[in-house]
Amino acid sequence: QCRGLGMAVYAYDDNGQPVVDQQAEL
């Protein structure tokens, strides 16, 4: 449902950029 409160969780591509709706590193 969600990322935890206080947890700055993103999906990073190989270049270290946050992406949405793409598979990437937690």
mmCIF file of all heavy atoms, coordinates in Angstrom:
data_MODEL
# 
_entry.id   MODEL 
# 
loop_
_atom_site.group_PDB 
_atom_site.id 
_atom_site.type_symbol 
_atom_site.label_atom_id 
_atom_site.label_alt_id 
_atom_site.label_comp_id 
_atom_site.label_asym_id 
_atom_site.label_entity_id 
_atom_site.label_seq_id 
_atom_site.pdbx_PDB_ins_code 
_atom_site.Cartn_x 
_atom_site.Cartn_y 
_atom_site.Cartn_z 
_atom_site.occupancy 
_atom_site.B_iso_or_equiv 
_atom_site.pdbx_formal_charge 
_atom_site.auth_seq_id 
_atom_site.auth_comp_id 
_atom_site.auth_asym_id 
_atom_site.auth_atom_id 
_atom_site.pdbx_PDB_model_num 
ATOM 1   N N   . GLN A 1 1  ? 0.794  -1.223 0.000   1.00 0.00 ? 1  GLN A N   1 
ATOM 2   C CA  . GLN A 1 1  ? 0.000  0.000  0.000   1.00 0.00 ? 1  GLN A CA  1 
ATOM 3   C C   . GLN A 1 1  ? 0.830  1.278  0.000   1.00 0.00 ? 1  GLN A C   1 
ATOM 4   O O   . GLN A 1 1  ? 0.449  2.264  -0.627  1.00 0.00 ? 1  GLN A O   1 
ATOM 5   C CB  . GLN A 1 1  ? -0.935 0.017  1.212   1.00 0.00 ? 1  GLN A CB  1 
ATOM 6   C CG  . GLN A 1 1  ? -2.116 -0.938 1.099   1.00 0.00 ? 1  GLN A CG  1 
ATOM 7   C CD  . GLN A 1 1  ? -2.971 -0.871 2.344   1.00 0.00 ? 1  GLN A CD  1 
ATOM 8   O OE1 . GLN A 1 1  ? -2.627 -1.440 3.378   1.00 0.00 ? 1  GLN A OE1 1 
ATOM 9   N NE2 . GLN A 1 1  ? -4.075 -0.156 2.267   1.00 0.00 ? 1  GLN A NE2 1 
ATOM 10  N N   . CYS A 1 2  ? 1.961  1.270  0.714   1.00 0.00 ? 2  CYS A N   1 
ATOM 11  C CA  . CYS A 1 2  ? 2.671  2.547  0.852   1.00 0.00 ? 2  CYS A CA  1 
ATOM 12  C C   . CYS A 1 2  ? 4.103  2.320  1.304   1.00 0.00 ? 2  CYS A C   1 
ATOM 13  O O   . CYS A 1 2  ? 4.465  1.246  1.784   1.00 0.00 ? 2  CYS A O   1 
ATOM 14  C CB  . CYS A 1 2  ? 1.961  3.437  1.868   1.00 0.00 ? 2  CYS A CB  1 
ATOM 15  S SG  . CYS A 1 2  ? 2.043  2.801  3.576   1.00 0.00 ? 2  CYS A SG  1 
ATOM 16  N N   . ARG A 1 3  ? 4.897  3.359  1.157   1.00 0.00 ? 3  ARG A N   1 
ATOM 17  C CA  . ARG A 1 3  ? 6.206  3.419  1.789   1.00 0.00 ? 3  ARG A CA  1 
ATOM 18  C C   . ARG A 1 3  ? 6.012  3.927  3.216   1.00 0.00 ? 3  ARG A C   1 
ATOM 19  O O   . ARG A 1 3  ? 5.147  4.755  3.479   1.00 0.00 ? 3  ARG A O   1 
ATOM 20  C CB  . ARG A 1 3  ? 7.114  4.347  0.990   1.00 0.00 ? 3  ARG A CB  1 
ATOM 21  C CG  . ARG A 1 3  ? 7.464  3.795  -0.385  1.00 0.00 ? 3  ARG A CG  1 
ATOM 22  C CD  . ARG A 1 3  ? 8.054  4.845  -1.307  1.00 0.00 ? 3  ARG A CD  1 
ATOM 23  N NE  . ARG A 1 3  ? 7.046  5.762  -1.818  1.00 0.00 ? 3  ARG A NE  1 
ATOM 24  C CZ  . ARG A 1 3  ? 7.288  6.751  -2.664  1.00 0.00 ? 3  ARG A CZ  1 
ATOM 25  N NH1 . ARG A 1 3  ? 8.529  6.949  -3.092  1.00 0.00 ? 3  ARG A NH1 1 
ATOM 26  N NH2 . ARG A 1 3  ? 6.322  7.531  -3.089  1.00 0.00 ? 3  ARG A NH2 1 
ATOM 27  N N   . GLY A 1 4  ? 6.821  3.409  4.152   1.00 0.00 ? 4  GLY A N   1 
ATOM 28  C CA  . GLY A 1 4  ? 6.640  3.732  5.560   1.00 0.00 ? 4  GLY A CA  1 
ATOM 29  C C   . GLY A 1 4  ? 6.886  5.196  5.864   1.00 0.00 ? 4  GLY A C   1 
ATOM 30  O O   . GLY A 1 4  ? 7.735  5.853  5.244   1.00 0.00 ? 4  GLY A O   1 
ATOM 31  N N   . LEU A 1 5  ? 6.157  5.710  6.831   1.00 0.00 ? 5  LEU A N   1 
ATOM 32  C CA  . LEU A 1 5  ? 6.377  7.085  7.275   1.00 0.00 ? 5  LEU A CA  1 
ATOM 33  C C   . LEU A 1 5  ? 7.817  7.254  7.752   1.00 0.00 ? 5  LEU A C   1 
ATOM 34  O O   . LEU A 1 5  ? 8.358  6.395  8.469   1.00 0.00 ? 5  LEU A O   1 
ATOM 35  C CB  . LEU A 1 5  ? 5.416  7.439  8.407   1.00 0.00 ? 5  LEU A CB  1 
ATOM 36  C CG  . LEU A 1 5  ? 3.938  7.598  8.032   1.00 0.00 ? 5  LEU A CG  1 
ATOM 37  C CD1 . LEU A 1 5  ? 3.102  7.826  9.284   1.00 0.00 ? 5  LEU A CD1 1 
ATOM 38  C CD2 . LEU A 1 5  ? 3.730  8.736  7.038   1.00 0.00 ? 5  LEU A CD2 1 
ATOM 39  N N   . GLY A 1 6  ? 8.432  8.349  7.364   1.00 0.00 ? 6  GLY A N   1 
ATOM 40  C CA  . GLY A 1 6  ? 9.805  8.623  7.753   1.00 0.00 ? 6  GLY A CA  1 
ATOM 41  C C   . GLY A 1 6  ? 10.842 7.821  6.994   1.00 0.00 ? 6  GLY A C   1 
ATOM 42  O O   . GLY A 1 6  ? 12.039 7.955  7.254   1.00 0.00 ? 6  GLY A O   1 
ATOM 43  N N   . MET A 1 7  ? 10.397 6.996  6.042   1.00 0.00 ? 7  MET A N   1 
ATOM 44  C CA  . MET A 1 7  ? 11.306 6.153  5.260   1.00 0.00 ? 7  MET A CA  1 
ATOM 45  C C   . MET A 1 7  ? 11.376 6.716  3.841   1.00 0.00 ? 7  MET A C   1 
ATOM 46  O O   . MET A 1 7  ? 10.423 6.589  3.061   1.00 0.00 ? 7  MET A O   1 
ATOM 47  C CB  . MET A 1 7  ? 10.816 4.709  5.247   1.00 0.00 ? 7  MET A CB  1 
ATOM 48  C CG  . MET A 1 7  ? 10.613 4.122  6.636   1.00 0.00 ? 7  MET A CG  1 
ATOM 49  S SD  . MET A 1 7  ? 12.138 4.010  7.600   1.00 0.00 ? 7  MET A SD  1 
ATOM 50  C CE  . MET A 1 7  ? 12.888 2.584  6.838   1.00 0.00 ? 7  MET A CE  1 
ATOM 51  N N   . ALA A 1 8  ? 12.498 7.343  3.518   1.00 0.00 ? 8  ALA A N   1 
ATOM 52  C CA  . ALA A 1 8  ? 12.661 8.000  2.209   1.00 0.00 ? 8  ALA A CA  1 
ATOM 53  C C   . ALA A 1 8  ? 13.023 6.962  1.157   1.00 0.00 ? 8  ALA A C   1 
ATOM 54  O O   . ALA A 1 8  ? 14.147 6.900  0.652   1.00 0.00 ? 8  ALA A O   1 
ATOM 55  C CB  . ALA A 1 8  ? 13.723 9.083  2.297   1.00 0.00 ? 8  ALA A CB  1 
ATOM 56  N N   . VAL A 1 9  ? 12.053 6.128  0.829   1.00 0.00 ? 9  VAL A N   1 
ATOM 57  C CA  . VAL A 1 9  ? 12.244 4.990  -0.068  1.00 0.00 ? 9  VAL A CA  1 
ATOM 58  C C   . VAL A 1 9  ? 11.907 5.391  -1.496  1.00 0.00 ? 9  VAL A C   1 
ATOM 59  O O   . VAL A 1 9  ? 10.838 5.964  -1.765  1.00 0.00 ? 9  VAL A O   1 
ATOM 60  C CB  . VAL A 1 9  ? 11.375 3.800  0.380   1.00 0.00 ? 9  VAL A CB  1 
ATOM 61  C CG1 . VAL A 1 9  ? 11.394 2.679  -0.648  1.00 0.00 ? 9  VAL A CG1 1 
ATOM 62  C CG2 . VAL A 1 9  ? 11.833 3.298  1.740   1.00 0.00 ? 9  VAL A CG2 1 
ATOM 63  N N   . TYR A 1 10 ? 12.817 5.055  -2.403  1.00 0.00 ? 10 TYR A N   1 
ATOM 64  C CA  . TYR A 1 10 ? 12.613 5.339  -3.824  1.00 0.00 ? 10 TYR A CA  1 
ATOM 65  C C   . TYR A 1 10 ? 13.137 4.164  -4.637  1.00 0.00 ? 10 TYR A C   1 
ATOM 66  O O   . TYR A 1 10 ? 13.857 3.292  -4.131  1.00 0.00 ? 10 TYR A O   1 
ATOM 67  C CB  . TYR A 1 10 ? 13.358 6.622  -4.230  1.00 0.00 ? 10 TYR A CB  1 
ATOM 68  C CG  . TYR A 1 10 ? 12.889 7.850  -3.480  1.00 0.00 ? 10 TYR A CG  1 
ATOM 69  C CD1 . TYR A 1 10 ? 13.538 8.251  -2.307  1.00 0.00 ? 10 TYR A CD1 1 
ATOM 70  C CD2 . TYR A 1 10 ? 11.797 8.590  -3.908  1.00 0.00 ? 10 TYR A CD2 1 
ATOM 71  C CE1 . TYR A 1 10 ? 13.109 9.365  -1.588  1.00 0.00 ? 10 TYR A CE1 1 
ATOM 72  C CE2 . TYR A 1 10 ? 11.356 9.706  -3.205  1.00 0.00 ? 10 TYR A CE2 1 
ATOM 73  C CZ  . TYR A 1 10 ? 12.009 10.085 -2.052  1.00 0.00 ? 10 TYR A CZ  1 
ATOM 74  O OH  . TYR A 1 10 ? 11.573 11.182 -1.344  1.00 0.00 ? 10 TYR A OH  1 
ATOM 75  N N   . ALA A 1 11 ? 12.782 4.154  -5.927  1.00 0.00 ? 11 ALA A N   1 
ATOM 76  C CA  . ALA A 1 11 ? 13.353 3.209  -6.884  1.00 0.00 ? 11 ALA A CA  1 
ATOM 77  C C   . ALA A 1 11 ? 14.392 3.960  -7.703  1.00 0.00 ? 11 ALA A C   1 
ATOM 78  O O   . ALA A 1 11 ? 14.055 4.935  -8.381  1.00 0.00 ? 11 ALA A O   1 
ATOM 79  C CB  . ALA A 1 11 ? 12.258 2.639  -7.784  1.00 0.00 ? 11 ALA A CB  1 
ATOM 80  N N   . TYR A 1 12 ? 15.645 3.526  -7.624  1.00 0.00 ? 12 TYR A N   1 
ATOM 81  C CA  . TYR A 1 12 ? 16.743 4.195  -8.331  1.00 0.00 ? 12 TYR A CA  1 
ATOM 82  C C   . TYR A 1 12 ? 17.152 3.377  -9.552  1.00 0.00 ? 12 TYR A C   1 
ATOM 83  O O   . TYR A 1 12 ? 17.353 2.160  -9.446  1.00 0.00 ? 12 TYR A O   1 
ATOM 84  C CB  . TYR A 1 12 ? 17.959 4.331  -7.412  1.00 0.00 ? 12 TYR A CB  1 
ATOM 85  C CG  . TYR A 1 12 ? 18.083 5.662  -6.708  1.00 0.00 ? 12 TYR A CG  1 
ATOM 86  C CD1 . TYR A 1 12 ? 16.968 6.470  -6.488  1.00 0.00 ? 12 TYR A CD1 1 
ATOM 87  C CD2 . TYR A 1 12 ? 19.318 6.113  -6.243  1.00 0.00 ? 12 TYR A CD2 1 
ATOM 88  C CE1 . TYR A 1 12 ? 17.097 7.689  -5.826  1.00 0.00 ? 12 TYR A CE1 1 
ATOM 89  C CE2 . TYR A 1 12 ? 19.447 7.323  -5.577  1.00 0.00 ? 12 TYR A CE2 1 
ATOM 90  C CZ  . TYR A 1 12 ? 18.327 8.113  -5.373  1.00 0.00 ? 12 TYR A CZ  1 
ATOM 91  O OH  . TYR A 1 12 ? 18.448 9.312  -4.716  1.00 0.00 ? 12 TYR A OH  1 
ATOM 92  N N   . ASP A 1 13 ? 17.290 4.072  -10.692 1.00 0.00 ? 13 ASP A N   1 
ATOM 93  C CA  . ASP A 1 13 ? 17.805 3.388  -11.873 1.00 0.00 ? 13 ASP A CA  1 
ATOM 94  C C   . ASP A 1 13 ? 19.324 3.276  -11.774 1.00 0.00 ? 13 ASP A C   1 
ATOM 95  O O   . ASP A 1 13 ? 19.940 3.697  -10.775 1.00 0.00 ? 13 ASP A O   1 
ATOM 96  C CB  . ASP A 1 13 ? 17.362 4.095  -13.158 1.00 0.00 ? 13 ASP A CB  1 
ATOM 97  C CG  . ASP A 1 13 ? 17.913 5.515  -13.296 1.00 0.00 ? 13 ASP A CG  1 
ATOM 98  O OD1 . ASP A 1 13 ? 18.881 5.860  -12.586 1.00 0.00 ? 13 ASP A OD1 1 
ATOM 99  O OD2 . ASP A 1 13 ? 17.370 6.274  -14.120 1.00 0.00 ? 13 ASP A OD2 1 
ATOM 100 N N   . ASP A 1 14 ? 19.952 2.725  -12.811 1.00 0.00 ? 14 ASP A N   1 
ATOM 101 C CA  . ASP A 1 14 ? 21.394 2.482  -12.758 1.00 0.00 ? 14 ASP A CA  1 
ATOM 102 C C   . ASP A 1 14 ? 22.200 3.768  -12.657 1.00 0.00 ? 14 ASP A C   1 
ATOM 103 O O   . ASP A 1 14 ? 23.372 3.746  -12.269 1.00 0.00 ? 14 ASP A O   1 
ATOM 104 C CB  . ASP A 1 14 ? 21.846 1.691  -13.986 1.00 0.00 ? 14 ASP A CB  1 
ATOM 105 C CG  . ASP A 1 14 ? 21.312 0.261  -13.979 1.00 0.00 ? 14 ASP A CG  1 
ATOM 106 O OD1 . ASP A 1 14 ? 20.918 -0.206 -12.891 1.00 0.00 ? 14 ASP A OD1 1 
ATOM 107 O OD2 . ASP A 1 14 ? 21.272 -0.367 -15.048 1.00 0.00 ? 14 ASP A OD2 1 
ATOM 108 N N   . ASN A 1 15 ? 21.597 4.895  -13.013 1.00 0.00 ? 15 ASN A N   1 
ATOM 109 C CA  . ASN A 1 15 ? 22.286 6.180  -12.944 1.00 0.00 ? 15 ASN A CA  1 
ATOM 110 C C   . ASN A 1 15 ? 22.058 6.898  -11.613 1.00 0.00 ? 15 ASN A C   1 
ATOM 111 O O   . ASN A 1 15 ? 22.450 8.058  -11.461 1.00 0.00 ? 15 ASN A O   1 
ATOM 112 C CB  . ASN A 1 15 ? 21.822 7.086  -14.092 1.00 0.00 ? 15 ASN A CB  1 
ATOM 113 C CG  . ASN A 1 15 ? 22.153 6.494  -15.447 1.00 0.00 ? 15 ASN A CG  1 
ATOM 114 O OD1 . ASN A 1 15 ? 23.251 5.986  -15.651 1.00 0.00 ? 15 ASN A OD1 1 
ATOM 115 N ND2 . ASN A 1 15 ? 21.198 6.544  -16.376 1.00 0.00 ? 15 ASN A ND2 1 
ATOM 116 N N   . GLY A 1 16 ? 21.371 6.223  -10.680 1.00 0.00 ? 16 GLY A N   1 
ATOM 117 C CA  . GLY A 1 16 ? 21.122 6.826  -9.387  1.00 0.00 ? 16 GLY A CA  1 
ATOM 118 C C   . GLY A 1 16 ? 20.034 7.879  -9.409  1.00 0.00 ? 16 GLY A C   1 
ATOM 119 O O   . GLY A 1 16 ? 20.045 8.806  -8.593  1.00 0.00 ? 16 GLY A O   1 
ATOM 120 N N   . GLN A 1 17 ? 19.074 7.722  -10.312 1.00 0.00 ? 17 GLN A N   1 
ATOM 121 C CA  . GLN A 1 17 ? 17.970 8.669  -10.412 1.00 0.00 ? 17 GLN A CA  1 
ATOM 122 C C   . GLN A 1 17 ? 16.669 7.987  -10.006 1.00 0.00 ? 17 GLN A C   1 
ATOM 123 O O   . GLN A 1 17 ? 16.417 6.838  -10.385 1.00 0.00 ? 17 GLN A O   1 
ATOM 124 C CB  . GLN A 1 17 ? 17.840 9.201  -11.841 1.00 0.00 ? 17 GLN A CB  1 
ATOM 125 C CG  . GLN A 1 17 ? 19.040 10.004 -12.305 1.00 0.00 ? 17 GLN A CG  1 
ATOM 126 C CD  . GLN A 1 17 ? 19.294 11.228 -11.437 1.00 0.00 ? 17 GLN A CD  1 
ATOM 127 O OE1 . GLN A 1 17 ? 18.373 12.000 -11.157 1.00 0.00 ? 17 GLN A OE1 1 
ATOM 128 N NE2 . GLN A 1 17 ? 20.539 11.410 -11.001 1.00 0.00 ? 17 GLN A NE2 1 
ATOM 129 N N   . PRO A 1 18 ? 15.819 8.682  -9.227  1.00 0.00 ? 18 PRO A N   1 
ATOM 130 C CA  . PRO A 1 18 ? 14.543 8.067  -8.843  1.00 0.00 ? 18 PRO A CA  1 
ATOM 131 C C   . PRO A 1 18 ? 13.612 7.951  -10.037 1.00 0.00 ? 18 PRO A C   1 
ATOM 132 O O   . PRO A 1 18 ? 13.500 8.890  -10.836 1.00 0.00 ? 18 PRO A O   1 
ATOM 133 C CB  . PRO A 1 18 ? 13.988 9.043  -7.797  1.00 0.00 ? 18 PRO A CB  1 
ATOM 134 C CG  . PRO A 1 18 ? 14.656 10.344 -8.084  1.00 0.00 ? 18 PRO A CG  1 
ATOM 135 C CD  . PRO A 1 18 ? 15.999 10.025 -8.653  1.00 0.00 ? 18 PRO A CD  1 
ATOM 136 N N   . VAL A 1 19 ? 12.970 6.811  -10.166 1.00 0.00 ? 19 VAL A N   1 
ATOM 137 C CA  . VAL A 1 19 ? 12.032 6.582  -11.268 1.00 0.00 ? 19 VAL A CA  1 
ATOM 138 C C   . VAL A 1 19 ? 10.710 6.082  -10.709 1.00 0.00 ? 19 VAL A C   1 
ATOM 139 O O   . VAL A 1 19 ? 10.666 5.452  -9.652  1.00 0.00 ? 19 VAL A O   1 
ATOM 140 C CB  . VAL A 1 19 ? 12.591 5.568  -12.294 1.00 0.00 ? 19 VAL A CB  1 
ATOM 141 C CG1 . VAL A 1 19 ? 13.799 6.148  -13.018 1.00 0.00 ? 19 VAL A CG1 1 
ATOM 142 C CG2 . VAL A 1 19 ? 12.966 4.243  -11.619 1.00 0.00 ? 19 VAL A CG2 1 
ATOM 143 N N   . VAL A 1 20 ? 9.639  6.382  -11.414 1.00 0.00 ? 20 VAL A N   1 
ATOM 144 C CA  . VAL A 1 20 ? 8.299  5.932  -11.043 1.00 0.00 ? 20 VAL A CA  1 
ATOM 145 C C   . VAL A 1 20 ? 7.765  5.055  -12.168 1.00 0.00 ? 20 VAL A C   1 
ATOM 146 O O   . VAL A 1 20 ? 7.995  5.334  -13.351 1.00 0.00 ? 20 VAL A O   1 
ATOM 147 C CB  . VAL A 1 20 ? 7.359  7.135  -10.808 1.00 0.00 ? 20 VAL A CB  1 
ATOM 148 C CG1 . VAL A 1 20 ? 5.926  6.671  -10.555 1.00 0.00 ? 20 VAL A CG1 1 
ATOM 149 C CG2 . VAL A 1 20 ? 7.852  7.963  -9.630  1.00 0.00 ? 20 VAL A CG2 1 
ATOM 150 N N   . ASP A 1 21 ? 7.077  3.988  -11.773 1.00 0.00 ? 21 ASP A N   1 
ATOM 151 C CA  . ASP A 1 21 ? 6.489  3.062  -12.743 1.00 0.00 ? 21 ASP A CA  1 
ATOM 152 C C   . ASP A 1 21 ? 7.539  2.334  -13.578 1.00 0.00 ? 21 ASP A C   1 
ATOM 153 O O   . ASP A 1 21 ? 7.276  1.927  -14.706 1.00 0.00 ? 21 ASP A O   1 
ATOM 154 C CB  . ASP A 1 21 ? 5.492  3.789  -13.653 1.00 0.00 ? 21 ASP A CB  1 
ATOM 155 C CG  . ASP A 1 21 ? 4.190  3.001  -13.795 1.00 0.00 ? 21 ASP A CG  1 
ATOM 156 O OD1 . ASP A 1 21 ? 3.956  2.089  -12.982 1.00 0.00 ? 21 ASP A OD1 1 
ATOM 157 O OD2 . ASP A 1 21 ? 3.417  3.303  -14.723 1.00 0.00 ? 21 ASP A OD2 1 
ATOM 158 N N   . GLN A 1 22 ? 8.731  2.196  -13.041 1.00 0.00 ? 22 GLN A N   1 
ATOM 159 C CA  . GLN A 1 22 ? 9.796  1.422  -13.675 1.00 0.00 ? 22 GLN A CA  1 
ATOM 160 C C   . GLN A 1 22 ? 10.444 0.536  -12.627 1.00 0.00 ? 22 GLN A C   1 
ATOM 161 O O   . GLN A 1 22 ? 10.571 0.920  -11.463 1.00 0.00 ? 22 GLN A O   1 
ATOM 162 C CB  . GLN A 1 22 ? 10.873 2.340  -14.271 1.00 0.00 ? 22 GLN A CB  1 
ATOM 163 C CG  . GLN A 1 22 ? 10.433 3.213  -15.417 1.00 0.00 ? 22 GLN A CG  1 
ATOM 164 C CD  . GLN A 1 22 ? 11.589 4.068  -15.919 1.00 0.00 ? 22 GLN A CD  1 
ATOM 165 O OE1 . GLN A 1 22 ? 12.736 3.623  -15.984 1.00 0.00 ? 22 GLN A OE1 1 
ATOM 166 N NE2 . GLN A 1 22 ? 11.289 5.317  -16.261 1.00 0.00 ? 22 GLN A NE2 1 
ATOM 167 N N   . GLN A 1 23 ? 10.893 -0.643 -13.043 1.00 0.00 ? 23 GLN A N   1 
ATOM 168 C CA  . GLN A 1 23 ? 11.592 -1.532 -12.127 1.00 0.00 ? 23 GLN A CA  1 
ATOM 169 C C   . GLN A 1 23 ? 13.000 -1.005 -11.864 1.00 0.00 ? 23 GLN A C   1 
ATOM 170 O O   . GLN A 1 23 ? 13.719 -0.657 -12.802 1.00 0.00 ? 23 GLN A O   1 
ATOM 171 C CB  . GLN A 1 23 ? 11.667 -2.941 -12.705 1.00 0.00 ? 23 GLN A CB  1 
ATOM 172 C CG  . GLN A 1 23 ? 10.314 -3.606 -12.854 1.00 0.00 ? 23 GLN A CG  1 
ATOM 173 C CD  . GLN A 1 23 ? 10.427 -5.021 -13.383 1.00 0.00 ? 23 GLN A CD  1 
ATOM 174 O OE1 . GLN A 1 23 ? 11.401 -5.712 -13.131 1.00 0.00 ? 23 GLN A OE1 1 
ATOM 175 N NE2 . GLN A 1 23 ? 9.413  -5.467 -14.119 1.00 0.00 ? 23 GLN A NE2 1 
ATOM 176 N N   . ALA A 1 24 ? 13.375 -0.950 -10.601 1.00 0.00 ? 24 ALA A N   1 
ATOM 177 C CA  . ALA A 1 24 ? 14.686 -0.404 -10.239 1.00 0.00 ? 24 ALA A CA  1 
ATOM 178 C C   . ALA A 1 24 ? 15.029 -0.826 -8.814  1.00 0.00 ? 24 ALA A C   1 
ATOM 179 O O   . ALA A 1 24 ? 14.281 -1.553 -8.161  1.00 0.00 ? 24 ALA A O   1 
ATOM 180 C CB  . ALA A 1 24 ? 14.674 1.117  -10.383 1.00 0.00 ? 24 ALA A CB  1 
ATOM 181 N N   . GLU A 1 25 ? 16.177 -0.351 -8.339  1.00 0.00 ? 25 GLU A N   1 
ATOM 182 C CA  . GLU A 1 25 ? 16.674 -0.722 -7.016  1.00 0.00 ? 25 GLU A CA  1 
ATOM 183 C C   . GLU A 1 25 ? 15.929 0.011  -5.901  1.00 0.00 ? 25 GLU A C   1 
ATOM 184 O O   . GLU A 1 25 ? 15.703 1.220  -5.982  1.00 0.00 ? 25 GLU A O   1 
ATOM 185 C CB  . GLU A 1 25 ? 18.157 -0.359 -6.886  1.00 0.00 ? 25 GLU A CB  1 
ATOM 186 C CG  . GLU A 1 25 ? 19.090 -1.207 -7.722  1.00 0.00 ? 25 GLU A CG  1 
ATOM 187 C CD  . GLU A 1 25 ? 19.387 -2.556 -7.097  1.00 0.00 ? 25 GLU A CD  1 
ATOM 188 O OE1 . GLU A 1 25 ? 18.980 -2.779 -5.939  1.00 0.00 ? 25 GLU A OE1 1 
ATOM 189 O OE2 . GLU A 1 25 ? 20.040 -3.372 -7.772  1.00 0.00 ? 25 GLU A OE2 1 
ATOM 190 N N   . LEU A 1 26 ? 15.583 -0.730 -4.832  1.00 0.00 ? 26 LEU A N   1 
ATOM 191 C CA  . LEU A 1 26 ? 15.017 -0.106 -3.640  1.00 0.00 ? 26 LEU A CA  1 
ATOM 192 C C   . LEU A 1 26 ? 16.152 0.575  -2.881  1.00 0.00 ? 26 LEU A C   1 
ATOM 193 O O   . LEU A 1 26 ? 17.116 -0.070 -2.462  1.00 0.00 ? 26 LEU A O   1 
ATOM 194 C CB  . LEU A 1 26 ? 14.341 -1.146 -2.750  1.00 0.00 ? 26 LEU A CB  1 
ATOM 195 C CG  . LEU A 1 26 ? 13.547 -0.636 -1.537  1.00 0.00 ? 26 LEU A CG  1 
ATOM 196 C CD1 . LEU A 1 26 ? 12.566 -1.707 -1.061  1.00 0.00 ? 26 LEU A CD1 1 
ATOM 197 C CD2 . LEU A 1 26 ? 14.413 -0.213 -0.358  1.00 0.00 ? 26 LEU A CD2 1 
# 
